[in-house]
Amino acid sequence: MKDMKPELALLRTDPCESDPAEMSSVRTPAACSDDELLAEVRECEAVVRRALAEQYALMAEVERRGLYG
């Protein structure tokens, strides 16, 4: 199985199943300054864009191979 990229692993992680010790380091938006919050949003957007680009590339390859449908 292909190793999962760390940023994609985060997207596939269910916060309800996370270790409470790990979750204690997660800050709530209210604890962030405006600049920190905007930086985190931009970082999340970049992760999502990369994940979508990878998904579209995989979908194109599946279609090219005639495996879809």
PDB file of N, CA and C in Angstrom:
ATOM      1  N   MET A   1       0.836  -1.181   0.000  1.00  0.00           N
ATOM      2  CA  MET A   1       0.000   0.000   0.000  1.00  0.00           C
ATOM      3  C   MET A   1       0.885   1.250   0.000  1.00  0.00           C
ATOM      4  N   LYS A   2       0.461   2.234  -0.750  1.00  0.00           N
ATOM      5  CA  LYS A   2       1.213   3.485  -0.853  1.00  0.00           C
ATOM      6  C   LYS A   2       1.219   4.202   0.495  1.00  0.00           C
ATOM      7  N   ASP A   3       2.398   4.717   0.867  1.00  0.00           N
ATOM      8  CA  ASP A   3       2.484   5.471   2.119  1.00  0.00           C
ATOM      9  C   ASP A   3       1.658   6.741   2.000  1.00  0.00           C
ATOM     10  N   MET A   4       0.940   7.046   3.044  1.00  0.00           N
ATOM     11  CA  MET A   4       0.089   8.221   3.052  1.00  0.00           C
ATOM     12  C   MET A   4       0.917   9.452   3.410  1.00  0.00           C
ATOM     13  N   LYS A   5       0.736  10.508   2.644  1.00  0.00           N
ATOM     14  CA  LYS A   5       1.414  11.765   2.951  1.00  0.00           C
ATOM     15  C   LYS A   5       0.879  12.282   4.283  1.00  0.00           C
ATOM     16  N   PRO A   6       1.749  12.846   5.113  1.00  0.00           N
ATOM     17  CA  PRO A   6       1.297  13.298   6.438  1.00  0.00           C
ATOM     18  C   PRO A   6       0.113  14.259   6.386  1.00  0.00           C
ATOM     19  N   GLU A   7       0.131  15.199   5.432  1.00  0.00           N
ATOM     20  CA  GLU A   7      -0.968  16.162   5.385  1.00  0.00           C
ATOM     21  C   GLU A   7      -2.274  15.501   4.969  1.00  0.00           C
ATOM     22  N   LEU A   8      -2.198  14.452   4.130  1.00  0.00           N
ATOM     23  CA  LEU A   8      -3.410  13.741   3.746  1.00  0.00           C
ATOM     24  C   LEU A   8      -3.886  12.852   4.880  1.00  0.00           C
ATOM     25  N   ALA A   9      -2.973  12.324   5.651  1.00  0.00           N
ATOM     26  CA  ALA A   9      -3.358  11.519   6.810  1.00  0.00           C
ATOM     27  C   ALA A   9      -4.184  12.367   7.768  1.00  0.00           C
ATOM     28  N   LEU A  10      -3.824  13.633   7.903  1.00  0.00           N
ATOM     29  CA  LEU A  10      -4.589  14.518   8.773  1.00  0.00           C
ATOM     30  C   LEU A  10      -6.009  14.692   8.262  1.00  0.00           C
ATOM     31  N   LEU A  11      -6.169  14.756   6.940  1.00  0.00           N
ATOM     32  CA  LEU A  11      -7.501  14.905   6.371  1.00  0.00           C
ATOM     33  C   LEU A  11      -8.353  13.673   6.617  1.00  0.00           C
ATOM     34  N   ARG A  12      -7.716  12.518   6.722  1.00  0.00           N
ATOM     35  CA  ARG A  12      -8.448  11.266   6.884  1.00  0.00           C
ATOM     36  C   ARG A  12      -8.575  10.850   8.349  1.00  0.00           C
ATOM     37  N   THR A  13      -8.154  11.686   9.253  1.00  0.00           N
ATOM     38  CA  THR A  13      -8.208  11.373  10.676  1.00  0.00           C
ATOM     39  C   THR A  13      -9.534  11.837  11.256  1.00  0.00           C
ATOM     40  N   ASP A  14     -10.202  10.937  11.936  1.00  0.00           N
ATOM     41  CA  ASP A  14     -11.446  11.281  12.617  1.00  0.00           C
ATOM     42  C   ASP A  14     -11.092  11.860  13.977  1.00  0.00           C
ATOM     43  N   PRO A  15     -11.408  13.137  14.230  1.00  0.00           N
ATOM     44  CA  PRO A  15     -11.035  13.730  15.511  1.00  0.00           C
ATOM     45  C   PRO A  15     -11.650  12.999  16.699  1.00  0.00           C
ATOM     46  N   CYS A  16     -12.777  12.336  16.491  1.00  0.00           N
ATOM     47  CA  CYS A  16     -13.418  11.605  17.584  1.00  0.00           C
ATOM     48  C   CYS A  16     -12.596  10.384  17.989  1.00  0.00           C
ATOM     49  N   GLU A  17     -11.764   9.889  17.077  1.00  0.00           N
ATOM     50  CA  GLU A  17     -10.954   8.714  17.362  1.00  0.00           C
ATOM     51  C   GLU A  17      -9.526   9.086  17.748  1.00  0.00           C
ATOM     52  N   SER A  18      -9.225  10.357  17.798  1.00  0.00           N
ATOM     53  CA  SER A  18      -7.871  10.801  18.119  1.00  0.00           C
ATOM     54  C   SER A  18      -7.567  10.591  19.593  1.00  0.00           C
ATOM     55  N   ASP A  19      -6.297  10.446  19.859  1.00  0.00           N
ATOM     56  CA  ASP A  19      -5.817  10.307  21.229  1.00  0.00           C
ATOM     57  C   ASP A  19      -6.037  11.639  21.950  1.00  0.00           C
ATOM     58  N   PRO A  20      -6.713  11.627  23.095  1.00  0.00           N
ATOM     59  CA  PRO A  20      -6.952  12.888  23.820  1.00  0.00           C
ATOM     60  C   PRO A  20      -5.668  13.644  24.141  1.00  0.00           C
ATOM     61  N   ALA A  21      -4.574  12.929  24.364  1.00  0.00           N
ATOM     62  CA  ALA A  21      -3.300  13.603  24.646  1.00  0.00           C
ATOM     63  C   ALA A  21      -2.850  14.413  23.442  1.00  0.00           C
ATOM     64  N   GLU A  22      -3.068  13.870  22.239  1.00  0.00           N
ATOM     65  CA  GLU A  22      -2.710  14.605  21.021  1.00  0.00           C
ATOM     66  C   GLU A  22      -3.630  15.802  20.833  1.00  0.00           C
ATOM     67  N   MET A  23      -4.889  15.632  21.138  1.00  0.00           N
ATOM     68  CA  MET A  23      -5.860  16.694  20.925  1.00  0.00           C
ATOM     69  C   MET A  23      -5.648  17.860  21.888  1.00  0.00           C
ATOM     70  N   SER A  24      -4.978  17.622  23.012  1.00  0.00           N
ATOM     71  CA  SER A  24      -4.780  18.698  23.979  1.00  0.00           C
ATOM     72  C   SER A  24      -3.892  19.803  23.412  1.00  0.00           C
ATOM     73  N   SER A  25      -3.094  19.481  22.390  1.00  0.00           N
ATOM     74  CA  SER A  25      -2.223  20.492  21.794  1.00  0.00           C
ATOM     75  C   SER A  25      -2.937  21.300  20.711  1.00  0.00           C
ATOM     76  N   VAL A  26      -4.142  20.892  20.331  1.00  0.00           N
ATOM     77  CA  VAL A  26      -4.890  21.594  19.293  1.00  0.00           C
ATOM     78  C   VAL A  26      -5.517  22.840  19.907  1.00  0.00           C
ATOM     79  N   ARG A  27      -5.243  23.973  19.272  1.00  0.00           N
ATOM     80  CA  ARG A  27      -5.796  25.230  19.775  1.00  0.00           C
ATOM     81  C   ARG A  27      -7.140  25.494  19.122  1.00  0.00           C
ATOM     82  N   THR A  28      -8.011  26.107  19.856  1.00  0.00           N
ATOM     83  CA  THR A  28      -9.289  26.502  19.289  1.00  0.00           C
ATOM     84  C   THR A  28      -9.092  27.833  18.571  1.00  0.00           C
ATOM     85  N   PRO A  29      -9.931  28.115  17.578  1.00  0.00           N
ATOM     86  CA  PRO A  29      -9.795  29.394  16.866  1.00  0.00           C
ATOM     87  C   PRO A  29      -9.833  30.604  17.802  1.00  0.00           C
ATOM     88  N   ALA A  30     -10.579  30.521  18.881  1.00  0.00           N
ATOM     89  CA  ALA A  30     -10.665  31.655  19.808  1.00  0.00           C
ATOM     90  C   ALA A  30      -9.323  31.937  20.478  1.00  0.00           C
ATOM     91  N   ALA A  31      -8.450  30.921  20.551  1.00  0.00           N
ATOM     92  CA  ALA A  31      -7.150  31.094  21.201  1.00  0.00           C
ATOM     93  C   ALA A  31      -6.101  31.662  20.250  1.00  0.00           C
ATOM     94  N   CYS A  32      -6.452  31.856  18.995  1.00  0.00           N
ATOM     95  CA  CYS A  32      -5.510  32.333  17.979  1.00  0.00           C
ATOM     96  C   CYS A  32      -5.697  33.829  17.726  1.00  0.00           C
ATOM     97  N   SER A  33      -4.591  34.470  17.390  1.00  0.00           N
ATOM     98  CA  SER A  33      -4.694  35.858  16.928  1.00  0.00           C
ATOM     99  C   SER A  33      -5.242  35.828  15.504  1.00  0.00           C
ATOM    100  N   ASP A  34      -5.648  36.975  14.996  1.00  0.00           N
ATOM    101  CA  ASP A  34      -6.164  37.046  13.630  1.00  0.00           C
ATOM    102  C   ASP A  34      -5.138  36.530  12.627  1.00  0.00           C
ATOM    103  N   ASP A  35      -3.882  36.949  12.784  1.00  0.00           N
ATOM    104  CA  ASP A  35      -2.829  36.522  11.857  1.00  0.00           C
ATOM    105  C   ASP A  35      -2.597  35.018  11.927  1.00  0.00           C
ATOM    106  N   GLU A  36      -2.603  34.467  13.147  1.00  0.00           N
ATOM    107  CA  GLU A  36      -2.420  33.019  13.299  1.00  0.00           C
ATOM    108  C   GLU A  36      -3.577  32.260  12.668  1.00  0.00           C
ATOM    109  N   LEU A  37      -4.789  32.745  12.877  1.00  0.00           N
ATOM    110  CA  LEU A  37      -5.967  32.095  12.317  1.00  0.00           C
ATOM    111  C   LEU A  37      -5.924  32.119  10.794  1.00  0.00           C
ATOM    112  N   LEU A  38      -5.593  33.266  10.210  1.00  0.00           N
ATOM    113  CA  LEU A  38      -5.497  33.363   8.753  1.00  0.00           C
ATOM    114  C   LEU A  38      -4.394  32.464   8.210  1.00  0.00           C
ATOM    115  N   ALA A  39      -3.271  32.376   8.906  1.00  0.00           N
ATOM    116  CA  ALA A  39      -2.177  31.503   8.478  1.00  0.00           C
ATOM    117  C   ALA A  39      -2.616  30.044   8.504  1.00  0.00           C
ATOM    118  N   GLU A  40      -3.354  29.650   9.532  1.00  0.00           N
ATOM    119  CA  GLU A  40      -3.828  28.269   9.615  1.00  0.00           C
ATOM    120  C   GLU A  40      -4.837  27.969   8.517  1.00  0.00           C
ATOM    121  N   VAL A  41      -5.707  28.934   8.221  1.00  0.00           N
ATOM    122  CA  VAL A  41      -6.685  28.750   7.143  1.00  0.00           C
ATOM    123  C   VAL A  41      -5.961  28.575   5.811  1.00  0.00           C
ATOM    124  N   ARG A  42      -4.951  29.407   5.558  1.00  0.00           N
ATOM    125  CA  ARG A  42      -4.194  29.297   4.303  1.00  0.00           C
ATOM    126  C   ARG A  42      -3.476  27.953   4.210  1.00  0.00           C
ATOM    127  N   GLU A  43      -2.930  27.494   5.336  1.00  0.00           N
ATOM    128  CA  GLU A  43      -2.254  26.198   5.349  1.00  0.00           C
ATOM    129  C   GLU A  43      -3.250  25.073   5.059  1.00  0.00           C
ATOM    130  N   CYS A  44      -4.426  25.145   5.657  1.00  0.00           N
ATOM    131  CA  CYS A  44      -5.459  24.134   5.408  1.00  0.00           C
ATOM    132  C   CYS A  44      -5.909  24.163   3.951  1.00  0.00           C
ATOM    133  N   GLU A  45      -6.080  25.351   3.402  1.00  0.00           N
ATOM    134  CA  GLU A  45      -6.468  25.470   1.998  1.00  0.00           C
ATOM    135  C   GLU A  45      -5.422  24.831   1.092  1.00  0.00           C
ATOM    136  N   ALA A  46      -4.149  25.033   1.394  1.00  0.00           N
ATOM    137  CA  ALA A  46      -3.077  24.447   0.588  1.00  0.00           C
ATOM    138  C   ALA A  46      -3.114  22.925   0.663  1.00  0.00           C
ATOM    139  N   VAL A  47      -3.361  22.383   1.845  1.00  0.00           N
ATOM    140  CA  VAL A  47      -3.455  20.924   2.005  1.00  0.00           C
ATOM    141  C   VAL A  47      -4.620  20.385   1.185  1.00  0.00           C
ATOM    142  N   VAL A  48      -5.745  21.068   1.251  1.00  0.00           N
ATOM    143  CA  VAL A  48      -6.926  20.623   0.506  1.00  0.00           C
ATOM    144  C   VAL A  48      -6.665  20.700  -0.998  1.00  0.00           C
ATOM    145  N   ARG A  49      -6.022  21.779  -1.464  1.00  0.00           N
ATOM    146  CA  ARG A  49      -5.717  21.902  -2.899  1.00  0.00           C
ATOM    147  C   ARG A  49      -4.811  20.768  -3.364  1.00  0.00           C
ATOM    148  N   ARG A  50      -3.783  20.438  -2.561  1.00  0.00           N
ATOM    149  CA  ARG A  50      -2.887  19.330  -2.930  1.00  0.00           C
ATOM    150  C   ARG A  50      -3.639  18.003  -2.945  1.00  0.00           C
ATOM    151  N   ALA A  51      -4.506  17.797  -1.965  1.00  0.00           N
ATOM    152  CA  ALA A  51      -5.275  16.553  -1.897  1.00  0.00           C
ATOM    153  C   ALA A  51      -6.209  16.441  -3.095  1.00  0.00           C
ATOM    154  N   LEU A  52      -6.864  17.537  -3.460  1.00  0.00           N
ATOM    155  CA  LEU A  52      -7.758  17.514  -4.620  1.00  0.00           C
ATOM    156  C   LEU A  52      -6.985  17.281  -5.910  1.00  0.00           C
ATOM    157  N   ALA A  53      -5.823  17.901  -6.041  1.00  0.00           N
ATOM    158  CA  ALA A  53      -5.004  17.691  -7.239  1.00  0.00           C
ATOM    159  C   ALA A  53      -4.610  16.225  -7.353  1.00  0.00           C
ATOM    160  N   GLU A  54      -4.237  15.621  -6.227  1.00  0.00           N
ATOM    161  CA  GLU A  54      -3.879  14.200  -6.249  1.00  0.00           C
ATOM    162  C   GLU A  54      -5.097  13.348  -6.592  1.00  0.00           C
ATOM    163  N   GLN A  55      -6.250  13.681  -6.032  1.00  0.00           N
ATOM    164  CA  GLN A  55      -7.468  12.927  -6.325  1.00  0.00           C
ATOM    165  C   GLN A  55      -7.815  13.029  -7.807  1.00  0.00           C
ATOM    166  N   TYR A  56      -7.751  14.226  -8.372  1.00  0.00           N
ATOM    167  CA  TYR A  56      -8.072  14.393  -9.789  1.00  0.00           C
ATOM    168  C   TYR A  56      -7.092  13.634 -10.672  1.00  0.00           C
ATOM    169  N   ALA A  57      -5.825  13.630 -10.308  1.00  0.00           N
ATOM    170  CA  ALA A  57      -4.830  12.880 -11.076  1.00  0.00           C
ATOM    171  C   ALA A  57      -5.126  11.385 -11.015  1.00  0.00           C
ATOM    172  N   LEU A  58      -5.479  10.900  -9.842  1.00  0.00           N
ATOM    173  CA  LEU A  58      -5.819   9.480  -9.708  1.00  0.00           C
ATOM    174  C   LEU A  58      -7.087   9.142 -10.483  1.00  0.00           C
ATOM    175  N   MET A  59      -8.077  10.019 -10.422  1.00  0.00           N
ATOM    176  CA  MET A  59      -9.314   9.786 -11.169  1.00  0.00           C
ATOM    177  C   MET A  59      -9.043   9.765 -12.672  1.00  0.00           C
ATOM    178  N   ALA A  60      -8.186  10.657 -13.150  1.00  0.00           N
ATOM    179  CA  ALA A  60      -7.838  10.687 -14.569  1.00  0.00           C
ATOM    180  C   ALA A  60      -7.141   9.395 -14.975  1.00  0.00           C
ATOM    181  N   GLU A  61      -6.262   8.882 -14.125  1.00  0.00           N
ATOM    182  CA  GLU A  61      -5.562   7.629 -14.426  1.00  0.00           C
ATOM    183  C   GLU A  61      -6.536   6.455 -14.440  1.00  0.00           C
ATOM    184  N   VAL A  62      -7.473   6.430 -13.510  1.00  0.00           N
ATOM    185  CA  VAL A  62      -8.487   5.366 -13.482  1.00  0.00           C
ATOM    186  C   VAL A  62      -9.308   5.414 -14.766  1.00  0.00           C
ATOM    187  N   GLU A  63      -9.705   6.609 -15.166  1.00  0.00           N
ATOM    188  CA  GLU A  63     -10.486   6.763 -16.396  1.00  0.00           C
ATOM    189  C   GLU A  63      -9.658   6.369 -17.619  1.00  0.00           C
ATOM    190  N   ARG A  64      -8.389   6.787 -17.643  1.00  0.00           N
ATOM    191  CA  ARG A  64      -7.511   6.455 -18.767  1.00  0.00           C
ATOM    192  C   ARG A  64      -7.367   4.945 -18.920  1.00  0.00           C
ATOM    193  N   ARG A  65      -7.311   4.242 -17.806  1.00  0.00           N
ATOM    194  CA  ARG A  65      -7.176   2.782 -17.844  1.00  0.00           C
ATOM    195  C   ARG A  65      -8.506   2.066 -18.075  1.00  0.00           C
ATOM    196  N   GLY A  66      -9.580   2.823 -18.125  1.00  0.00           N
ATOM    197  CA  GLY A  66     -10.888   2.226 -18.363  1.00  0.00           C
ATOM    198  C   GLY A  66     -11.430   1.465 -17.164  1.00  0.00           C
ATOM    199  N   LEU A  67     -11.013   1.833 -15.981  1.00  0.00           N
ATOM    200  CA  LEU A  67     -11.431   1.121 -14.776  1.00  0.00           C
ATOM    201  C   LEU A  67     -12.674   1.729 -14.140  1.00  0.00           C
ATOM    202  N   TYR A  68     -13.059   2.894 -14.602  1.00  0.00           N
ATOM    203  CA  TYR A  68     -14.192   3.588 -13.993  1.00  0.00           C
ATOM    204  C   TYR A  68     -15.493   3.074 -14.574  1.00  0.00           C
ATOM    205  N   GLY A  69     -16.474   2.875 -13.720  1.00  0.00           N
ATOM    206  CA  GLY A  69     -17.815   2.528 -14.168  1.00  0.00           C
ATOM    207  C   GLY A  69     -18.035   1.100 -14.162  1.00  0.00           C
TER     208      GLY A  69
END
